Every structure is written in C-alpha cells, then in structure tokens.
Amino acid sequence: MAITLTINGTERTLEAEPDMPLLWALRDLAGLTGTKFGCGKALCGACTVHVDGEPVRSCSFPVSAADGRDITTIEGLSADGSHPVQVAWRELNVPQCGYCQSGQIMSAAALLARNPAPSDAEIATAMSGNICRCGTYTRIRAAIHRAAGESS
C-alpha cells in the first residue's frame, strides 16, 4: 500500500503494510534512524515522534494512521541541532547512555510548543511516558526549564 507522509517537511510516499508501525516505516523505509525502538508497547517513550505537532509513540502507531499527516522526527526538529531543547540538552550534559534521549527531546519539544513556561509538575506529567534507565530526570527537568528561558 502506498502511504504518503510529510516527514520533516518533505513529502514521501512509502510502500508499507497499513498495520506497520510508524517507527519501522521511518527507520526501515525512510532511513531515519534517530527514532529508537525501546519496548514496542508504547510504554518507554524512546520512539516518540510528532504527528501533526503532537507527540506519539511510533512503535504502536500504524503507518496508515499517519497517511497524509505531518511527521517530525528528531532529525527534523532542527537541521543543525539549534532547537532550544537540543541546545539545553547539550549545555546541561543531559544524556548518559543517550538511548532514550531522542524520545525525551521530542516529548520536551512538544510540551514547550504548547506550554512555553511549564512548572515542575507540568513537566513531570508531560514527561511521565518517557523512561530513562540511567535516571537523568533531574537534568532533563533542568534542560526543559533552560529551553523555556528559565534559569537552571
């Protein structure tokens, strides 16, 4: 089945089974490997991408549901890593192993797009679906505040 997606601003037509998870369409068919596979059950958040600006777990989101929609992956957040969340992540040295970080960054960017000055409680709620096995939650929260223009 031909599925047309706008991925990071570029329209792409992919041949995929309708029930293929968006994650595998992005990684295997579109060659965008920044989005990671974690649990395959939408529990860890490593696979988070934006669909029409909203964060979704791409491992459980069928590619057919993305047909005709705008998809943003970590590669499309900014071409040069200049998105405020990416800058804050680097400045505060957030990653440890780094595996979950593309999903963390995508969830944080979606939060700041809808709430430019979130409280700690709002950050906790928005990020609750993203697991960091290394436990960098304090640095993640500080980076979100920094990206929001607050002191950390």
N, C-alpha and C. Protein backbone atom coordinates (compact mmCIF):
# COMPACT_ATOMS: atom_id res chain seq x y z
N MET A 1 0.84 -1.17 0.00
CA MET A 1 0.00 0.00 0.00
C MET A 1 0.89 1.24 0.00
N ALA A 2 0.57 2.20 -0.84
CA ALA A 2 1.32 3.46 -0.88
C ALA A 2 0.77 4.40 0.19
N ILE A 3 1.67 4.90 1.01
CA ILE A 3 1.30 5.82 2.08
C ILE A 3 2.12 7.08 1.89
N THR A 4 1.45 8.22 1.89
CA THR A 4 2.13 9.49 1.70
C THR A 4 2.19 10.22 3.03
N LEU A 5 3.41 10.53 3.43
CA LEU A 5 3.65 11.25 4.67
C LEU A 5 4.49 12.47 4.36
N THR A 6 4.31 13.51 5.13
CA THR A 6 5.24 14.62 5.08
C THR A 6 6.15 14.42 6.27
N ILE A 7 7.39 14.02 6.00
CA ILE A 7 8.35 13.71 7.05
C ILE A 7 9.39 14.81 7.09
N ASN A 8 9.44 15.52 8.21
CA ASN A 8 10.40 16.61 8.38
C ASN A 8 10.33 17.62 7.24
N GLY A 9 9.11 17.89 6.80
CA GLY A 9 8.88 18.90 5.78
C GLY A 9 8.97 18.43 4.34
N THR A 10 9.29 17.15 4.15
CA THR A 10 9.41 16.61 2.79
C THR A 10 8.36 15.53 2.59
N GLU A 11 7.58 15.67 1.52
CA GLU A 11 6.57 14.66 1.22
C GLU A 11 7.25 13.40 0.71
N ARG A 12 6.87 12.27 1.30
CA ARG A 12 7.45 10.97 0.93
C ARG A 12 6.32 9.99 0.73
N THR A 13 6.43 9.16 -0.29
CA THR A 13 5.49 8.06 -0.48
C THR A 13 6.24 6.78 -0.18
N LEU A 14 5.71 6.00 0.75
CA LEU A 14 6.34 4.76 1.18
C LEU A 14 5.41 3.60 0.87
N GLU A 15 5.98 2.50 0.46
CA GLU A 15 5.21 1.27 0.26
C GLU A 15 5.28 0.48 1.56
N ALA A 16 4.14 0.39 2.25
CA ALA A 16 4.12 -0.26 3.55
C ALA A 16 2.78 -0.94 3.78
N GLU A 17 2.82 -1.99 4.57
CA GLU A 17 1.58 -2.62 5.03
C GLU A 17 0.88 -1.62 5.95
N PRO A 18 -0.44 -1.51 5.90
CA PRO A 18 -1.14 -0.49 6.69
C PRO A 18 -0.93 -0.62 8.19
N ASP A 19 -0.70 -1.84 8.67
CA ASP A 19 -0.53 -2.02 10.12
C ASP A 19 0.93 -1.94 10.58
N MET A 20 1.84 -1.66 9.65
CA MET A 20 3.26 -1.50 10.03
C MET A 20 3.36 -0.32 11.00
N PRO A 21 4.07 -0.49 12.11
CA PRO A 21 4.26 0.65 12.99
C PRO A 21 5.02 1.77 12.30
N LEU A 22 4.61 2.99 12.57
CA LEU A 22 5.27 4.16 12.01
C LEU A 22 6.77 4.12 12.28
N LEU A 23 7.17 3.64 13.45
CA LEU A 23 8.59 3.53 13.79
C LEU A 23 9.37 2.82 12.71
N TRP A 24 8.87 1.65 12.26
CA TRP A 24 9.61 0.86 11.28
C TRP A 24 9.55 1.49 9.90
N ALA A 25 8.45 2.18 9.59
CA ALA A 25 8.39 2.90 8.32
C ALA A 25 9.44 4.01 8.30
N LEU A 26 9.58 4.72 9.42
CA LEU A 26 10.57 5.79 9.49
C LEU A 26 11.99 5.24 9.42
N ARG A 27 12.27 4.20 10.20
CA ARG A 27 13.63 3.66 10.27
C ARG A 27 14.00 2.86 9.03
N ASP A 28 13.15 1.90 8.67
CA ASP A 28 13.50 0.95 7.61
C ASP A 28 13.18 1.44 6.21
N LEU A 29 12.10 2.17 6.06
CA LEU A 29 11.71 2.61 4.71
C LEU A 29 12.21 4.01 4.39
N ALA A 30 12.19 4.91 5.37
CA ALA A 30 12.62 6.29 5.13
C ALA A 30 14.09 6.51 5.52
N GLY A 31 14.70 5.54 6.21
CA GLY A 31 16.12 5.64 6.56
C GLY A 31 16.43 6.63 7.68
N LEU A 32 15.44 6.98 8.47
CA LEU A 32 15.64 7.92 9.58
C LEU A 32 15.78 7.14 10.87
N THR A 33 17.00 6.92 11.30
CA THR A 33 17.26 6.02 12.42
C THR A 33 17.42 6.71 13.77
N GLY A 34 17.15 8.00 13.84
CA GLY A 34 17.24 8.71 15.11
C GLY A 34 16.16 8.32 16.09
N THR A 35 15.01 7.90 15.59
CA THR A 35 13.92 7.43 16.44
C THR A 35 14.25 6.00 16.84
N LYS A 36 14.21 5.72 18.13
CA LYS A 36 14.68 4.43 18.64
C LYS A 36 13.54 3.49 19.01
N PHE A 37 13.81 2.20 18.89
CA PHE A 37 12.92 1.16 19.38
C PHE A 37 13.31 0.88 20.82
N GLY A 38 12.33 0.91 21.71
CA GLY A 38 12.61 0.60 23.11
C GLY A 38 11.87 -0.63 23.56
N CYS A 39 10.56 -0.50 23.75
CA CYS A 39 9.78 -1.59 24.31
C CYS A 39 8.81 -2.22 23.32
N GLY A 40 8.41 -1.49 22.30
CA GLY A 40 7.44 -1.99 21.33
C GLY A 40 6.01 -2.00 21.83
N LYS A 41 5.77 -1.42 23.01
CA LYS A 41 4.43 -1.41 23.59
C LYS A 41 3.97 -0.01 24.01
N ALA A 42 4.67 1.02 23.53
CA ALA A 42 4.32 2.42 23.83
C ALA A 42 4.43 2.75 25.32
N LEU A 43 5.34 2.08 26.01
CA LEU A 43 5.50 2.30 27.44
C LEU A 43 6.72 3.13 27.82
N CYS A 44 7.76 3.12 26.98
CA CYS A 44 9.02 3.75 27.38
C CYS A 44 9.26 5.12 26.77
N GLY A 45 8.66 5.43 25.63
CA GLY A 45 8.80 6.74 25.01
C GLY A 45 10.02 6.93 24.11
N ALA A 46 10.87 5.92 23.99
CA ALA A 46 12.08 6.08 23.15
C ALA A 46 11.73 6.36 21.69
N CYS A 47 10.56 5.94 21.27
CA CYS A 47 10.16 6.05 19.87
C CYS A 47 9.31 7.30 19.58
N THR A 48 9.28 8.25 20.48
CA THR A 48 8.40 9.42 20.34
C THR A 48 8.77 10.26 19.13
N VAL A 49 7.76 10.56 18.32
CA VAL A 49 7.85 11.50 17.20
C VAL A 49 6.63 12.41 17.30
N HIS A 50 6.58 13.43 16.48
CA HIS A 50 5.41 14.30 16.43
C HIS A 50 4.59 13.95 15.20
N VAL A 51 3.29 13.81 15.38
CA VAL A 51 2.34 13.66 14.28
C VAL A 51 1.41 14.86 14.37
N ASP A 52 1.47 15.70 13.35
CA ASP A 52 0.73 16.97 13.36
C ASP A 52 1.00 17.75 14.64
N GLY A 53 2.25 17.73 15.09
CA GLY A 53 2.67 18.51 16.24
C GLY A 53 2.45 17.86 17.60
N GLU A 54 1.79 16.73 17.63
CA GLU A 54 1.52 16.04 18.90
C GLU A 54 2.47 14.87 19.07
N PRO A 55 2.98 14.66 20.29
CA PRO A 55 3.87 13.52 20.50
C PRO A 55 3.10 12.21 20.45
N VAL A 56 3.63 11.25 19.72
CA VAL A 56 3.03 9.91 19.65
C VAL A 56 4.14 8.88 19.78
N ARG A 57 3.76 7.71 20.25
CA ARG A 57 4.68 6.59 20.36
C ARG A 57 4.61 5.84 19.03
N SER A 58 5.63 6.00 18.23
CA SER A 58 5.61 5.48 16.86
C SER A 58 5.66 3.96 16.80
N CYS A 59 6.03 3.29 17.88
CA CYS A 59 6.09 1.83 17.85
C CYS A 59 4.70 1.20 17.82
N SER A 60 3.70 1.95 18.25
CA SER A 60 2.34 1.39 18.28
C SER A 60 1.37 2.21 17.43
N PHE A 61 1.88 3.11 16.64
CA PHE A 61 1.07 3.98 15.79
C PHE A 61 1.15 3.44 14.37
N PRO A 62 0.06 2.89 13.83
CA PRO A 62 0.13 2.32 12.48
C PRO A 62 0.44 3.38 11.43
N VAL A 63 1.29 3.03 10.50
CA VAL A 63 1.68 3.98 9.47
C VAL A 63 0.45 4.44 8.68
N SER A 64 -0.56 3.60 8.55
CA SER A 64 -1.77 4.01 7.82
C SER A 64 -2.47 5.18 8.51
N ALA A 65 -2.36 5.28 9.83
CA ALA A 65 -2.96 6.39 10.57
C ALA A 65 -2.19 7.68 10.35
N ALA A 66 -0.97 7.57 9.84
CA ALA A 66 -0.14 8.75 9.57
C ALA A 66 -0.28 9.24 8.14
N ASP A 67 -0.99 8.49 7.31
CA ASP A 67 -1.14 8.84 5.89
C ASP A 67 -1.68 10.25 5.75
N GLY A 68 -0.95 11.09 5.00
CA GLY A 68 -1.36 12.46 4.75
C GLY A 68 -1.07 13.43 5.88
N ARG A 69 -0.40 12.98 6.91
CA ARG A 69 -0.14 13.83 8.07
C ARG A 69 1.33 14.28 8.11
N ASP A 70 1.59 15.30 8.93
CA ASP A 70 2.94 15.83 9.09
C ASP A 70 3.64 15.10 10.22
N ILE A 71 4.78 14.51 9.91
CA ILE A 71 5.58 13.76 10.87
C ILE A 71 6.88 14.53 11.09
N THR A 72 7.24 14.71 12.36
CA THR A 72 8.54 15.30 12.69
C THR A 72 9.29 14.30 13.55
N THR A 73 10.50 13.97 13.11
CA THR A 73 11.38 13.09 13.88
C THR A 73 12.47 13.94 14.51
N ILE A 74 13.32 13.31 15.29
CA ILE A 74 14.43 14.03 15.90
C ILE A 74 15.31 14.68 14.84
N GLU A 75 15.45 14.05 13.68
CA GLU A 75 16.25 14.62 12.60
C GLU A 75 15.63 15.91 12.06
N GLY A 76 14.32 16.05 12.18
CA GLY A 76 13.64 17.22 11.64
C GLY A 76 13.35 18.31 12.65
N LEU A 77 13.70 18.07 13.90
CA LEU A 77 13.44 19.09 14.92
C LEU A 77 14.22 20.36 14.59
N SER A 78 15.46 20.19 14.18
CA SER A 78 16.26 21.30 13.62
C SER A 78 17.40 20.66 12.84
N ALA A 79 17.69 21.24 11.71
CA ALA A 79 18.71 20.67 10.83
C ALA A 79 20.11 20.70 11.45
N ASP A 80 20.35 21.67 12.31
CA ASP A 80 21.70 21.86 12.85
C ASP A 80 21.77 21.70 14.37
N GLY A 81 20.72 21.15 14.98
CA GLY A 81 20.75 20.96 16.43
C GLY A 81 20.54 22.24 17.22
N SER A 82 19.94 23.24 16.60
CA SER A 82 19.79 24.54 17.25
C SER A 82 18.44 24.74 17.95
N HIS A 83 17.59 23.72 17.93
CA HIS A 83 16.32 23.85 18.66
C HIS A 83 16.66 24.10 20.13
N PRO A 84 15.93 24.98 20.80
CA PRO A 84 16.25 25.30 22.20
C PRO A 84 16.35 24.08 23.12
N VAL A 85 15.55 23.07 22.88
CA VAL A 85 15.64 21.86 23.72
C VAL A 85 16.96 21.15 23.46
N GLN A 86 17.36 21.04 22.20
CA GLN A 86 18.64 20.39 21.88
C GLN A 86 19.82 21.16 22.47
N VAL A 87 19.76 22.48 22.38
CA VAL A 87 20.82 23.31 22.93
C VAL A 87 20.91 23.11 24.44
N ALA A 88 19.77 23.15 25.12
CA ALA A 88 19.75 22.97 26.58
C ALA A 88 20.26 21.59 26.96
N TRP A 89 19.90 20.58 26.18
CA TRP A 89 20.37 19.21 26.45
C TRP A 89 21.90 19.16 26.43
N ARG A 90 22.49 19.82 25.43
CA ARG A 90 23.96 19.85 25.33
C ARG A 90 24.58 20.66 26.46
N GLU A 91 24.02 21.85 26.70
CA GLU A 91 24.59 22.74 27.72
C GLU A 91 24.60 22.08 29.10
N LEU A 92 23.57 21.31 29.41
CA LEU A 92 23.46 20.68 30.73
C LEU A 92 23.93 19.24 30.73
N ASN A 93 24.49 18.80 29.60
CA ASN A 93 25.03 17.44 29.51
C ASN A 93 24.02 16.40 30.01
N VAL A 94 22.81 16.46 29.46
CA VAL A 94 21.72 15.61 29.93
C VAL A 94 21.97 14.13 29.70
N PRO A 95 22.35 13.69 28.50
CA PRO A 95 22.42 12.25 28.26
C PRO A 95 23.50 11.55 29.08
N GLN A 96 23.21 10.33 29.44
CA GLN A 96 24.24 9.47 29.99
C GLN A 96 24.50 8.42 28.92
N CYS A 97 23.66 7.39 28.82
CA CYS A 97 23.87 6.44 27.71
C CYS A 97 23.32 7.02 26.41
N GLY A 98 22.26 7.84 26.51
CA GLY A 98 21.71 8.54 25.37
C GLY A 98 20.61 7.83 24.60
N TYR A 99 20.35 6.56 24.90
CA TYR A 99 19.41 5.80 24.08
C TYR A 99 18.01 6.40 24.06
N CYS A 100 17.54 6.87 25.18
CA CYS A 100 16.16 7.39 25.27
C CYS A 100 16.05 8.84 24.85
N GLN A 101 17.17 9.48 24.61
CA GLN A 101 17.17 10.94 24.51
C GLN A 101 16.40 11.51 23.33
N SER A 102 16.35 10.83 22.19
CA SER A 102 15.58 11.41 21.08
C SER A 102 14.10 11.47 21.47
N GLY A 103 13.61 10.44 22.13
CA GLY A 103 12.22 10.46 22.60
C GLY A 103 11.99 11.50 23.68
N GLN A 104 12.95 11.63 24.58
CA GLN A 104 12.85 12.65 25.64
C GLN A 104 12.79 14.04 25.01
N ILE A 105 13.68 14.30 24.08
CA ILE A 105 13.74 15.61 23.43
C ILE A 105 12.45 15.90 22.67
N MET A 106 11.92 14.91 21.97
CA MET A 106 10.69 15.13 21.21
C MET A 106 9.51 15.40 22.14
N SER A 107 9.44 14.71 23.27
CA SER A 107 8.36 14.97 24.23
C SER A 107 8.53 16.36 24.84
N ALA A 108 9.75 16.74 25.17
CA ALA A 108 10.01 18.06 25.75
C ALA A 108 9.67 19.17 24.75
N ALA A 109 10.04 18.98 23.50
CA ALA A 109 9.74 20.00 22.47
C ALA A 109 8.24 20.17 22.30
N ALA A 110 7.49 19.07 22.33
CA ALA A 110 6.02 19.15 22.20
C ALA A 110 5.43 19.87 23.41
N LEU A 111 5.96 19.57 24.60
CA LEU A 111 5.49 20.26 25.81
C LEU A 111 5.70 21.76 25.68
N LEU A 112 6.90 22.18 25.30
CA LEU A 112 7.19 23.61 25.22
C LEU A 112 6.43 24.30 24.10
N ALA A 113 6.07 23.56 23.07
CA ALA A 113 5.28 24.16 21.99
C ALA A 113 3.88 24.53 22.47
N ARG A 114 3.35 23.75 23.40
CA ARG A 114 2.00 24.04 23.90
C ARG A 114 2.01 24.78 25.23
N ASN A 115 3.14 24.75 25.95
CA ASN A 115 3.24 25.41 27.24
C ASN A 115 4.66 25.95 27.37
N PRO A 116 4.89 27.21 27.01
CA PRO A 116 6.26 27.73 26.96
C PRO A 116 6.92 27.96 28.32
N ALA A 117 6.18 27.83 29.42
CA ALA A 117 6.76 28.03 30.74
C ALA A 117 6.16 27.01 31.72
N PRO A 118 6.46 25.74 31.54
CA PRO A 118 5.83 24.72 32.39
C PRO A 118 6.43 24.68 33.80
N SER A 119 5.59 24.32 34.75
CA SER A 119 6.03 24.11 36.13
C SER A 119 6.68 22.73 36.23
N ASP A 120 7.32 22.46 37.35
CA ASP A 120 7.89 21.14 37.56
C ASP A 120 6.82 20.06 37.46
N ALA A 121 5.64 20.32 38.01
CA ALA A 121 4.55 19.34 37.96
C ALA A 121 4.09 19.11 36.52
N GLU A 122 4.01 20.17 35.73
CA GLU A 122 3.60 20.02 34.33
C GLU A 122 4.66 19.27 33.53
N ILE A 123 5.92 19.51 33.85
CA ILE A 123 6.99 18.76 33.19
C ILE A 123 6.89 17.29 33.55
N ALA A 124 6.69 17.00 34.82
CA ALA A 124 6.58 15.61 35.26
C ALA A 124 5.43 14.91 34.56
N THR A 125 4.31 15.58 34.43
CA THR A 125 3.16 14.97 33.76
C THR A 125 3.45 14.73 32.29
N ALA A 126 3.99 15.74 31.61
CA ALA A 126 4.26 15.62 30.17
C ALA A 126 5.31 14.57 29.87
N MET A 127 6.27 14.42 30.76
CA MET A 127 7.39 13.51 30.52
C MET A 127 7.19 12.14 31.15
N SER A 128 6.06 11.91 31.79
CA SER A 128 5.85 10.66 32.53
C SER A 128 5.87 9.42 31.64
N GLY A 129 5.63 9.57 30.37
CA GLY A 129 5.66 8.43 29.46
C GLY A 129 7.04 8.13 28.89
N ASN A 130 8.04 8.87 29.33
CA ASN A 130 9.40 8.66 28.84
C ASN A 130 10.27 8.13 29.98
N ILE A 131 10.83 6.97 29.77
CA ILE A 131 11.67 6.33 30.78
C ILE A 131 13.14 6.53 30.43
N CYS A 132 13.92 6.89 31.46
CA CYS A 132 15.37 7.00 31.31
C CYS A 132 15.97 5.99 32.29
N ARG A 133 16.51 4.92 31.76
CA ARG A 133 17.09 3.88 32.62
C ARG A 133 18.30 4.38 33.39
N CYS A 134 18.93 5.44 32.89
CA CYS A 134 20.11 6.00 33.57
C CYS A 134 19.71 6.96 34.69
N GLY A 135 18.44 7.37 34.72
CA GLY A 135 17.95 8.22 35.79
C GLY A 135 18.35 9.69 35.69
N THR A 136 18.42 10.22 34.49
CA THR A 136 18.83 11.62 34.32
C THR A 136 17.66 12.59 34.43
N TYR A 137 16.64 12.22 35.16
CA TYR A 137 15.42 13.03 35.24
C TYR A 137 15.66 14.45 35.75
N THR A 138 16.55 14.62 36.70
CA THR A 138 16.83 15.96 37.23
C THR A 138 17.43 16.84 36.14
N ARG A 139 18.36 16.29 35.36
CA ARG A 139 18.96 17.07 34.27
C ARG A 139 17.94 17.32 33.16
N ILE A 140 17.07 16.35 32.91
CA ILE A 140 16.02 16.54 31.89
C ILE A 140 15.13 17.71 32.29
N ARG A 141 14.66 17.72 33.53
CA ARG A 141 13.79 18.81 34.00
C ARG A 141 14.53 20.15 33.91
N ALA A 142 15.79 20.19 34.34
CA ALA A 142 16.57 21.43 34.28
C ALA A 142 16.72 21.91 32.84
N ALA A 143 16.94 20.98 31.91
CA ALA A 143 17.09 21.36 30.50
C ALA A 143 15.79 21.90 29.93
N ILE A 144 14.68 21.33 30.33
CA ILE A 144 13.39 21.85 29.86
C ILE A 144 13.18 23.28 30.37
N HIS A 145 13.50 23.51 31.63
CA HIS A 145 13.41 24.88 32.16
C HIS A 145 14.36 25.82 31.41
N ARG A 146 15.56 25.36 31.12
CA ARG A 146 16.51 26.21 30.39
C ARG A 146 15.98 26.50 28.98
N ALA A 147 15.46 25.51 28.31
CA ALA A 147 14.92 25.71 26.96
C ALA A 147 13.73 26.68 27.00
N ALA A 148 13.02 26.68 28.12
CA ALA A 148 11.89 27.60 28.28
C ALA A 148 12.36 29.02 28.61
N GLY A 149 13.69 29.18 28.76
CA GLY A 149 14.23 30.50 29.03
C GLY A 149 14.34 30.81 30.51
N GLU A 150 14.20 29.79 31.34
CA GLU A 150 14.32 29.98 32.78
C GLU A 150 15.71 29.60 33.22
N SER A 151 16.13 30.10 34.35
CA SER A 151 17.45 29.73 34.86
C SER A 151 17.39 28.33 35.43
N SER A 152 18.51 27.62 35.31
CA SER A 152 18.58 26.25 35.81
C SER A 152 19.65 26.14 36.86
